[in-house]
């Protein structure tokens, strides 16, 4: 992984963790001790136009970006291994 990719990955990781924390904080605010369970239920995604929905969608967006970045890192590693560079 080159320095630019490492920086991008860490930046994306940081954004995903912040989005997750913000969504979880809103779940706790709204559902209290049940937040951990509600997170995995439809109610945890919020209603259209709600702050909870906005935070959930941001979490999904950043999580998807993190997954794509992770796959890019592994694709690069696999290509280097195949080329005998690892």
C-alpha atoms as a PDB file:
ATOM      1  CA  UNK A   1       0.000   0.000   0.000  1.00  0.00           C
ATOM      2  CA  UNK A   2       1.483   3.326  -0.991  1.00  0.00           C
ATOM      3  CA  UNK A   3       1.334   6.391   1.238  1.00  0.00           C
ATOM      4  CA  UNK A   4      -1.534   7.998  -0.699  1.00  0.00           C
ATOM      5  CA  UNK A   5      -3.652   4.845  -0.418  1.00  0.00           C
ATOM      6  CA  UNK A   6      -2.801   4.527   3.281  1.00  0.00           C
ATOM      7  CA  UNK A   7      -3.824   8.144   3.887  1.00  0.00           C
ATOM      8  CA  UNK A   8      -7.075   7.700   1.947  1.00  0.00           C
ATOM      9  CA  UNK A   9      -7.877   4.464   3.766  1.00  0.00           C
ATOM     10  CA  UNK A  10      -7.247   6.031   7.186  1.00  0.00           C
ATOM     11  CA  UNK A  11      -9.310   9.084   6.250  1.00  0.00           C
ATOM     12  CA  UNK A  12     -12.198   6.854   5.138  1.00  0.00           C
ATOM     13  CA  UNK A  13     -11.832   4.699   8.255  1.00  0.00           C
ATOM     14  CA  UNK A  14     -11.980   7.779  10.477  1.00  0.00           C
ATOM     15  CA  UNK A  15     -15.106   9.049   8.697  1.00  0.00           C
ATOM     16  CA  UNK A  16     -16.794   5.646   9.065  1.00  0.00           C
ATOM     17  CA  UNK A  17     -16.009   5.445  12.777  1.00  0.00           C
ATOM     18  CA  UNK A  18     -17.317   8.979  13.346  1.00  0.00           C
ATOM     19  CA  UNK A  19     -20.500   8.209  11.419  1.00  0.00           C
ATOM     20  CA  UNK A  20     -21.009   5.018  13.415  1.00  0.00           C
ATOM     21  CA  UNK A  21     -20.513   6.866  16.706  1.00  0.00           C
ATOM     22  CA  UNK A  22     -22.931   9.648  15.693  1.00  0.00           C
ATOM     23  CA  UNK A  23     -25.609   7.151  14.642  1.00  0.00           C
ATOM     24  CA  UNK A  24     -25.134   5.152  17.861  1.00  0.00           C
ATOM     25  CA  UNK A  25     -25.355   8.306  19.982  1.00  0.00           C
ATOM     26  CA  UNK A  26     -28.662   9.204  18.336  1.00  0.00           C
ATOM     27  CA  UNK A  27     -29.938   5.661  18.909  1.00  0.00           C
ATOM     28  CA  UNK A  28     -29.049   5.943  22.590  1.00  0.00           C
ATOM     29  CA  UNK A  29     -30.705   9.352  22.814  1.00  0.00           C
ATOM     30  CA  UNK A  30     -33.902   8.015  21.290  1.00  0.00           C
ATOM     31  CA  UNK A  31     -34.046   4.459  22.645  1.00  0.00           C
ATOM     32  CA  UNK A  32     -31.863   4.456  25.746  1.00  0.00           C
ATOM     33  CA  UNK A  33     -30.768   1.008  26.905  1.00  0.00           C
ATOM     34  CA  UNK A  34     -32.575  -0.617  23.973  1.00  0.00           C
ATOM     35  CA  UNK A  35     -30.330   1.168  21.444  1.00  0.00           C
ATOM     36  CA  UNK A  36     -28.073  -1.845  20.952  1.00  0.00           C
ATOM     37  CA  UNK A  37     -31.007  -4.020  19.906  1.00  0.00           C
ATOM     38  CA  UNK A  38     -32.862  -1.328  17.950  1.00  0.00           C
ATOM     39  CA  UNK A  39     -29.740  -0.689  15.868  1.00  0.00           C
ATOM     40  CA  UNK A  40     -30.381  -3.971  14.035  1.00  0.00           C
ATOM     41  CA  UNK A  41     -34.123  -3.464  13.593  1.00  0.00           C
ATOM     42  CA  UNK A  42     -36.006  -1.316  11.064  1.00  0.00           C
ATOM     43  CA  UNK A  43     -36.684   1.311  13.752  1.00  0.00           C
ATOM     44  CA  UNK A  44     -32.921   1.836  14.052  1.00  0.00           C
ATOM     45  CA  UNK A  45     -32.812   3.187  10.505  1.00  0.00           C
ATOM     46  CA  UNK A  46     -35.232   5.985  11.331  1.00  0.00           C
ATOM     47  CA  UNK A  47     -38.111   7.381   9.353  1.00  0.00           C
ATOM     48  CA  UNK A  48     -37.694   9.241   6.086  1.00  0.00           C
ATOM     49  CA  UNK A  49     -36.564  12.807   6.770  1.00  0.00           C
ATOM     50  CA  UNK A  50     -35.551  12.145  10.382  1.00  0.00           C
ATOM     51  CA  UNK A  51     -32.159  12.878  11.907  1.00  0.00           C
ATOM     52  CA  UNK A  52     -31.820   9.183  12.718  1.00  0.00           C
ATOM     53  CA  UNK A  53     -32.306   8.310   9.029  1.00  0.00           C
ATOM     54  CA  UNK A  54     -29.748  10.925   7.979  1.00  0.00           C
ATOM     55  CA  UNK A  55     -27.198   9.517  10.424  1.00  0.00           C
ATOM     56  CA  UNK A  56     -27.961   5.937   9.392  1.00  0.00           C
ATOM     57  CA  UNK A  57     -27.505   6.789   5.704  1.00  0.00           C
ATOM     58  CA  UNK A  58     -24.205   8.530   6.461  1.00  0.00           C
ATOM     59  CA  UNK A  59     -23.091   5.442   8.367  1.00  0.00           C
ATOM     60  CA  UNK A  60     -24.005   3.240   5.380  1.00  0.00           C
ATOM     61  CA  UNK A  61     -22.272   5.564   2.912  1.00  0.00           C
ATOM     62  CA  UNK A  62     -19.046   5.660   4.894  1.00  0.00           C
ATOM     63  CA  UNK A  63     -19.180   1.925   5.671  1.00  0.00           C
ATOM     64  CA  UNK A  64     -19.565   1.149   1.973  1.00  0.00           C
ATOM     65  CA  UNK A  65     -16.625   3.440   1.173  1.00  0.00           C
ATOM     66  CA  UNK A  66     -14.544   1.703   3.847  1.00  0.00           C
ATOM     67  CA  UNK A  67     -15.391  -1.713   2.408  1.00  0.00           C
ATOM     68  CA  UNK A  68     -14.403  -0.548  -1.077  1.00  0.00           C
ATOM     69  CA  UNK A  69     -11.112   0.872   0.238  1.00  0.00           C
ATOM     70  CA  UNK A  70     -10.372  -2.365   2.085  1.00  0.00           C
ATOM     71  CA  UNK A  71     -11.033  -4.384  -1.067  1.00  0.00           C
ATOM     72  CA  UNK A  72      -8.703  -2.089  -3.037  1.00  0.00           C
ATOM     73  CA  UNK A  73      -5.941  -2.675  -0.506  1.00  0.00           C
ATOM     74  CA  UNK A  74      -6.392  -6.440  -0.775  1.00  0.00           C
ATOM     75  CA  UNK A  75      -6.601  -6.304  -4.574  1.00  0.00           C
ATOM     76  CA  UNK A  76      -3.263  -4.504  -4.636  1.00  0.00           C
ATOM     77  CA  UNK A  77      -1.720  -7.036  -2.264  1.00  0.00           C
ATOM     78  CA  UNK A  78      -3.007  -9.963  -4.326  1.00  0.00           C
ATOM     79  CA  UNK A  79      -1.642  -8.409  -7.520  1.00  0.00           C
ATOM     80  CA  UNK A  80       1.778  -7.900  -5.912  1.00  0.00           C
ATOM     81  CA  UNK A  81       1.799 -11.460  -4.612  1.00  0.00           C
ATOM     82  CA  UNK A  82       0.860 -12.819  -8.025  1.00  0.00           C
ATOM     83  CA  UNK A  83       3.643 -10.739  -9.594  1.00  0.00           C
ATOM     84  CA  UNK A  84       6.094 -12.088  -7.002  1.00  0.00           C
ATOM     85  CA  UNK A  85       6.593  -8.682  -5.402  1.00  0.00           C
ATOM     86  CA  UNK A  86       5.597  -9.892  -1.920  1.00  0.00           C
END
